[in-house]
Amino acid sequence: MKTQITFIGLLMAVAFGQTACEKVIDLDVPEGEVQLVVDGWLTDHEDTVQYLILTTTAPYFEDKPTPRVSSANVTIHTYEGETLIESTGMPEDPNKPGHYPFPFPAEIGKGYQVEIDAPPFPPAISDIQQVLEVPPILDIFWEEASPDFQDSLAIYRVFISTFEFPGPGDFYRWFIFVDGEFQNAPFNIYVQNDLLVDGMNLPKFSVTSTRYRFGQRVRIVQSRINENAYDFLSLLRFQTAFIGSPFDTPPAPLVGNVRFMDSDRTALGFFSVSATSEAEVVVGVD
């Protein structure tokens, strides 16, 4: 017994000795070049103020909002086919630094392009994004399902009824709102192409695998988007949602559609447009 006490005491002494010798090491992580970030999505909603948001990158460990880019000159160009028909300035919202409200909603059949002059960055311009007709949501409904493994009270799934236009090469995004709040976590980026559903009627179509609770108000907004917007959002989802396991998506550059006019370099982020169709249901309520 005496030997055992001595041995345990020795282990405790070693353990306490290791604790006492802990040293905090500050990592010297290079900050990298500050880059311009462009975030804008123009839809045909007429009752909502929509913004192009300009920010810059920030150091990885900085615990504060990303810096806003103010006093930029922003212009939106409107096209019919390849013909430029209008250019309109977008002054910054005086109450929201870095926010530049779009002057009008998008129109189906037209194309839009943003041009940005935000020193010290070189002038930049996006590609032209076309507003494409979107199939309507014909119905929205809920069904009981197995409980969510993290929330035993979330036992409902929500489906929509819609259809897909004939002809391959269509791309879609769905925005989900729960009790009026936009769901914008990486797993909430819902995009799909028409590879498996081209020209089909879709009477019970799932655009979200989320389980919902009784009484929650779920609104789904369906958008038809341009192919490069689909590619960008798909890669963004895989690079941010599927991380932390041995099966992570291999890192790949996220290339946006806003390029600097003096070179082939691009800003971060993306500018896109879409028409929309939406529907809303209160979960569990007939």
Protein backbone atom coordinates (compact mmCIF):
# COMPACT_ATOMS: atom_id res chain seq x y z
CA MET A 1 0.00 0.00 0.00
CA LYS A 2 2.83 2.36 0.80
CA THR A 3 4.31 1.80 -2.67
CA GLN A 4 0.94 2.54 -4.29
CA ILE A 5 0.60 5.87 -2.45
CA THR A 6 4.07 6.89 -3.51
CA PHE A 7 3.33 6.00 -7.13
CA ILE A 8 0.03 7.91 -7.18
CA GLY A 9 1.69 10.86 -5.51
CA LEU A 10 4.36 10.82 -8.18
CA LEU A 11 1.74 10.86 -10.93
CA MET A 12 -0.05 13.77 -9.29
CA ALA A 13 3.19 15.68 -8.97
CA VAL A 14 3.92 15.11 -12.66
CA ALA A 15 0.39 16.19 -13.59
CA PHE A 16 0.58 19.37 -11.51
CA GLY A 17 4.05 20.03 -12.85
CA GLN A 18 2.77 19.83 -16.42
CA THR A 19 -0.09 22.19 -15.58
CA ALA A 20 2.26 24.68 -13.99
CA CYS A 21 4.45 24.67 -17.09
CA GLU A 22 1.68 25.58 -19.55
CA LYS A 23 2.61 28.44 -21.85
CA VAL A 24 0.32 30.51 -24.03
CA ILE A 25 1.68 30.81 -27.55
CA ASP A 26 0.36 33.56 -29.78
CA LEU A 27 0.28 32.50 -33.41
CA ASP A 28 1.58 35.07 -35.84
CA VAL A 29 -0.92 34.57 -38.66
CA PRO A 30 -0.31 36.76 -41.73
CA GLU A 31 -3.29 39.02 -42.40
CA GLY A 32 -3.05 38.82 -46.17
CA GLU A 33 -4.18 41.37 -48.73
CA VAL A 34 -7.41 43.22 -47.99
CA GLN A 35 -9.97 42.36 -50.66
CA LEU A 36 -13.26 43.82 -51.80
CA VAL A 37 -16.38 41.73 -51.07
CA VAL A 38 -19.57 42.21 -53.11
CA ASP A 39 -22.91 40.80 -51.96
CA GLY A 40 -26.06 41.58 -53.90
CA TRP A 41 -29.23 39.74 -54.95
CA LEU A 42 -31.83 41.67 -56.94
CA THR A 43 -35.30 40.11 -57.25
CA ASP A 44 -38.69 41.16 -58.60
CA HIS A 45 -40.03 41.92 -55.10
CA GLU A 46 -41.62 45.35 -55.24
CA ASP A 47 -42.34 45.79 -51.52
CA THR A 48 -38.82 45.18 -50.19
CA VAL A 49 -35.76 47.42 -50.13
CA GLN A 50 -32.91 45.41 -51.63
CA TYR A 51 -29.22 46.24 -51.25
CA LEU A 52 -25.87 45.72 -52.83
CA ILE A 53 -23.54 45.39 -49.82
CA LEU A 54 -19.84 46.27 -50.05
CA THR A 55 -17.39 45.14 -47.40
CA THR A 56 -13.74 44.15 -47.17
CA THR A 57 -12.02 41.10 -45.77
CA ALA A 58 -10.70 41.23 -42.20
CA PRO A 59 -8.07 39.32 -40.17
CA TYR A 60 -9.20 35.77 -39.38
CA PHE A 61 -9.13 36.18 -35.58
CA GLU A 62 -10.67 39.66 -35.50
CA ASP A 63 -13.84 39.55 -33.43
CA LYS A 64 -15.83 42.40 -34.95
CA PRO A 65 -18.07 43.01 -37.99
CA THR A 66 -16.29 43.10 -41.33
CA PRO A 67 -15.46 46.66 -42.44
CA ARG A 68 -18.06 48.37 -44.63
CA VAL A 69 -17.06 50.16 -47.82
CA SER A 70 -18.62 53.62 -47.87
CA SER A 71 -18.61 56.47 -50.40
CA ALA A 72 -18.37 54.15 -53.40
CA ASN A 73 -19.84 55.07 -56.76
CA VAL A 74 -22.19 52.25 -57.74
CA THR A 75 -24.13 52.04 -61.00
CA ILE A 76 -26.57 49.41 -62.21
CA HIS A 77 -26.84 48.84 -65.97
CA THR A 78 -30.03 47.42 -67.49
CA TYR A 79 -29.97 45.38 -70.72
CA GLU A 80 -32.50 44.03 -73.19
CA GLY A 81 -30.66 41.22 -74.85
CA GLU A 82 -27.16 42.60 -75.38
CA THR A 83 -28.38 46.20 -75.73
CA LEU A 84 -27.74 48.61 -72.86
CA ILE A 85 -30.95 50.56 -72.28
CA GLU A 86 -30.36 52.35 -68.96
CA SER A 87 -27.70 53.16 -66.38
CA THR A 88 -28.80 54.26 -62.92
CA GLY A 89 -26.72 55.43 -59.95
CA MET A 90 -27.11 53.73 -56.57
CA PRO A 91 -26.31 56.20 -53.75
CA GLU A 92 -25.34 54.74 -50.39
CA ASP A 93 -28.03 54.51 -47.71
CA PRO A 94 -27.02 57.28 -45.22
CA ASN A 95 -28.26 55.13 -42.33
CA LYS A 96 -26.53 51.90 -43.39
CA PRO A 97 -22.84 52.20 -44.21
CA GLY A 98 -21.81 50.01 -47.12
CA HIS A 99 -25.42 49.42 -48.22
CA TYR A 100 -26.41 50.64 -51.68
CA PRO A 101 -30.15 50.20 -52.38
CA PHE A 102 -31.21 48.99 -55.81
CA PRO A 103 -33.40 51.69 -57.39
CA PHE A 104 -36.00 49.27 -58.78
CA PRO A 105 -37.02 45.60 -58.71
CA ALA A 106 -35.85 43.17 -61.36
CA GLU A 107 -37.95 42.51 -64.47
CA ILE A 108 -38.25 39.15 -66.22
CA GLY A 109 -36.45 39.15 -69.56
CA LYS A 110 -33.99 41.90 -68.70
CA GLY A 111 -30.32 41.65 -67.76
CA TYR A 112 -28.52 43.56 -65.01
CA GLN A 113 -24.91 44.44 -64.35
CA VAL A 114 -23.33 46.40 -61.49
CA GLU A 115 -20.32 48.68 -61.83
CA ILE A 116 -18.40 49.65 -58.69
CA ASP A 117 -15.80 52.36 -58.12
CA ALA A 118 -14.59 52.02 -54.54
CA PRO A 119 -11.05 53.38 -54.03
CA PRO A 120 -8.46 52.21 -53.17
CA PHE A 121 -9.72 49.19 -55.14
CA PRO A 122 -9.67 49.46 -58.94
CA PRO A 123 -13.02 49.94 -60.70
CA ALA A 124 -14.93 46.66 -60.97
CA ILE A 125 -17.84 45.34 -63.01
CA SER A 126 -19.99 42.22 -62.86
CA ASP A 127 -21.12 40.03 -65.70
CA ILE A 128 -24.68 40.46 -66.97
CA GLN A 129 -27.20 38.41 -65.02
CA GLN A 130 -30.45 37.56 -66.82
CA VAL A 131 -33.81 37.52 -65.03
CA LEU A 132 -35.44 34.23 -66.05
CA GLU A 133 -39.08 33.22 -65.73
CA VAL A 134 -39.58 30.98 -62.70
CA PRO A 135 -42.15 28.17 -62.38
CA PRO A 136 -44.80 29.07 -59.79
CA ILE A 137 -45.24 27.33 -56.47
CA LEU A 138 -48.71 25.82 -56.87
CA ASP A 139 -49.13 24.65 -53.28
CA ILE A 140 -47.27 24.30 -50.00
CA PHE A 141 -48.10 21.75 -47.30
CA TRP A 142 -46.69 19.90 -44.28
CA GLU A 143 -46.52 16.27 -43.23
CA GLU A 144 -45.55 14.58 -39.98
CA ALA A 145 -42.16 12.89 -40.05
CA SER A 146 -39.64 11.35 -37.69
CA PRO A 147 -38.35 13.79 -35.06
CA ASP A 148 -35.20 15.75 -35.70
CA PHE A 149 -32.35 14.01 -33.88
CA GLN A 150 -31.39 17.31 -32.22
CA ASP A 151 -34.94 18.52 -31.52
CA SER A 152 -37.57 15.97 -30.54
CA LEU A 153 -40.34 18.57 -30.97
CA ALA A 154 -39.47 19.21 -34.61
CA ILE A 155 -41.57 16.53 -36.28
CA TYR A 156 -42.87 18.13 -39.48
CA ARG A 157 -41.53 18.40 -43.01
CA VAL A 158 -42.66 20.98 -45.54
CA PHE A 159 -43.16 20.29 -49.24
CA ILE A 160 -44.16 22.33 -52.28
CA SER A 161 -46.04 21.50 -55.44
CA THR A 162 -44.52 22.94 -58.61
CA PHE A 163 -43.26 21.92 -62.05
CA GLU A 164 -40.11 22.28 -64.14
CA PHE A 165 -39.91 23.89 -67.57
CA PRO A 166 -39.08 21.47 -70.43
CA GLY A 167 -35.55 21.72 -71.75
CA PRO A 168 -32.31 20.97 -69.89
CA GLY A 169 -30.08 23.61 -68.37
CA ASP A 170 -32.28 25.27 -65.72
CA PHE A 171 -31.00 26.14 -62.24
CA TYR A 172 -32.86 27.02 -59.07
CA ARG A 173 -32.40 28.43 -55.59
CA TRP A 174 -34.82 28.37 -52.66
CA PHE A 175 -34.89 30.88 -49.81
CA ILE A 176 -36.43 29.64 -46.55
CA PHE A 177 -37.97 31.93 -43.92
CA VAL A 178 -39.14 30.67 -40.50
CA ASP A 179 -41.40 33.00 -38.56
CA GLY A 180 -40.21 35.81 -40.82
CA GLU A 181 -36.48 35.14 -40.28
CA PHE A 182 -34.33 34.26 -43.27
CA GLN A 183 -32.44 30.99 -42.74
CA ASN A 184 -28.94 31.74 -44.01
CA ALA A 185 -26.65 29.16 -42.39
CA PRO A 186 -24.46 27.18 -44.83
CA PHE A 187 -26.83 24.20 -44.71
CA ASN A 188 -29.67 26.54 -45.73
CA ILE A 189 -28.20 27.22 -49.18
CA TYR A 190 -30.65 25.20 -51.26
CA VAL A 191 -29.80 24.99 -54.97
CA GLN A 192 -30.49 22.39 -57.65
CA ASN A 193 -30.30 21.88 -61.40
CA ASP A 194 -32.93 20.19 -63.55
CA LEU A 195 -30.80 17.18 -64.47
CA LEU A 196 -33.18 14.68 -62.81
CA VAL A 197 -36.46 16.62 -63.05
CA ASP A 198 -36.41 18.23 -66.51
CA GLY A 199 -39.96 19.01 -67.66
CA MET A 200 -41.58 17.09 -64.80
CA ASN A 201 -44.60 17.85 -62.65
CA LEU A 202 -43.49 17.87 -59.01
CA PRO A 203 -46.59 17.46 -56.79
CA LYS A 204 -44.57 16.70 -53.63
CA PHE A 205 -41.18 18.34 -53.93
CA SER A 206 -38.79 18.73 -51.00
CA VAL A 207 -36.44 21.70 -51.14
CA THR A 208 -35.41 21.51 -47.46
CA SER A 209 -34.64 18.53 -45.23
CA THR A 210 -35.20 20.61 -42.08
CA ARG A 211 -37.77 19.42 -39.52
CA TYR A 212 -40.13 22.09 -38.17
CA ARG A 213 -42.12 22.53 -34.97
CA PHE A 214 -45.88 22.87 -34.60
CA GLY A 215 -47.04 26.44 -35.24
CA GLN A 216 -43.95 27.65 -37.06
CA ARG A 217 -44.67 29.79 -40.11
CA VAL A 218 -42.57 28.60 -43.03
CA ARG A 219 -42.24 30.63 -46.22
CA ILE A 220 -40.46 29.24 -49.27
CA VAL A 221 -39.27 31.50 -52.09
CA GLN A 222 -38.46 29.76 -55.37
CA SER A 223 -35.99 31.39 -57.79
CA ARG A 224 -34.62 30.41 -61.17
CA ILE A 225 -31.01 31.54 -61.43
CA ASN A 226 -28.15 31.81 -63.90
CA GLU A 227 -25.75 28.88 -64.25
CA ASN A 228 -22.71 30.66 -62.81
CA ALA A 229 -24.77 31.69 -59.76
CA TYR A 230 -25.67 28.03 -59.27
CA ASP A 231 -22.01 27.00 -59.57
CA PHE A 232 -20.91 29.65 -57.06
CA LEU A 233 -23.60 28.80 -54.49
CA SER A 234 -23.06 25.05 -54.81
CA LEU A 235 -19.36 25.40 -54.15
CA LEU A 236 -20.00 27.87 -51.32
CA ARG A 237 -22.31 25.36 -49.63
CA PHE A 238 -19.85 22.49 -49.94
CA GLN A 239 -16.94 24.62 -48.72
CA THR A 240 -18.80 25.86 -45.62
CA ALA A 241 -21.41 23.26 -44.64
CA PHE A 242 -19.46 20.05 -45.11
CA ILE A 243 -16.41 20.63 -42.95
CA GLY A 244 -14.89 19.00 -39.88
CA SER A 245 -14.68 15.38 -41.04
CA PRO A 246 -12.30 13.18 -43.05
CA PHE A 247 -14.78 13.44 -45.92
CA ASP A 248 -14.62 17.21 -46.32
CA THR A 249 -14.92 18.70 -49.78
CA PRO A 250 -11.40 19.48 -51.07
CA PRO A 251 -10.63 23.22 -50.85
CA ALA A 252 -11.28 25.13 -54.06
CA PRO A 253 -11.28 28.85 -54.90
CA LEU A 254 -14.64 30.61 -54.82
CA VAL A 255 -14.54 32.76 -57.95
CA GLY A 256 -17.19 35.47 -58.07
CA ASN A 257 -18.58 37.30 -61.08
CA VAL A 258 -17.28 40.82 -60.29
CA ARG A 259 -13.93 41.44 -61.97
CA PHE A 260 -11.60 44.40 -61.72
CA MET A 261 -11.50 46.30 -64.99
CA ASP A 262 -7.71 46.71 -65.04
CA SER A 263 -6.92 42.99 -64.78
CA ASP A 264 -8.32 39.46 -64.68
CA ARG A 265 -8.58 39.55 -60.88
CA THR A 266 -12.00 39.26 -59.27
CA ALA A 267 -13.56 40.62 -56.10
CA LEU A 268 -14.97 38.18 -53.57
CA GLY A 269 -18.69 37.51 -53.46
CA PHE A 270 -21.34 37.49 -56.16
CA PHE A 271 -24.03 39.66 -57.77
CA SER A 272 -27.14 37.82 -58.94
CA VAL A 273 -30.73 38.43 -59.97
CA SER A 274 -33.90 36.36 -60.13
CA ALA A 275 -37.65 36.37 -60.44
CA THR A 276 -39.44 34.66 -57.57
CA SER A 277 -42.52 32.68 -56.61
CA GLU A 278 -43.40 32.13 -52.96
CA ALA A 279 -45.82 30.38 -50.66
CA GLU A 280 -46.32 30.13 -46.90
CA VAL A 281 -47.77 27.59 -44.49
CA VAL A 282 -48.25 27.36 -40.71
CA VAL A 283 -46.88 23.99 -39.70
CA GLY A 284 -49.36 21.56 -38.11
CA VAL A 285 -52.37 23.81 -38.76
CA ASP A 286 -55.03 22.86 -41.33
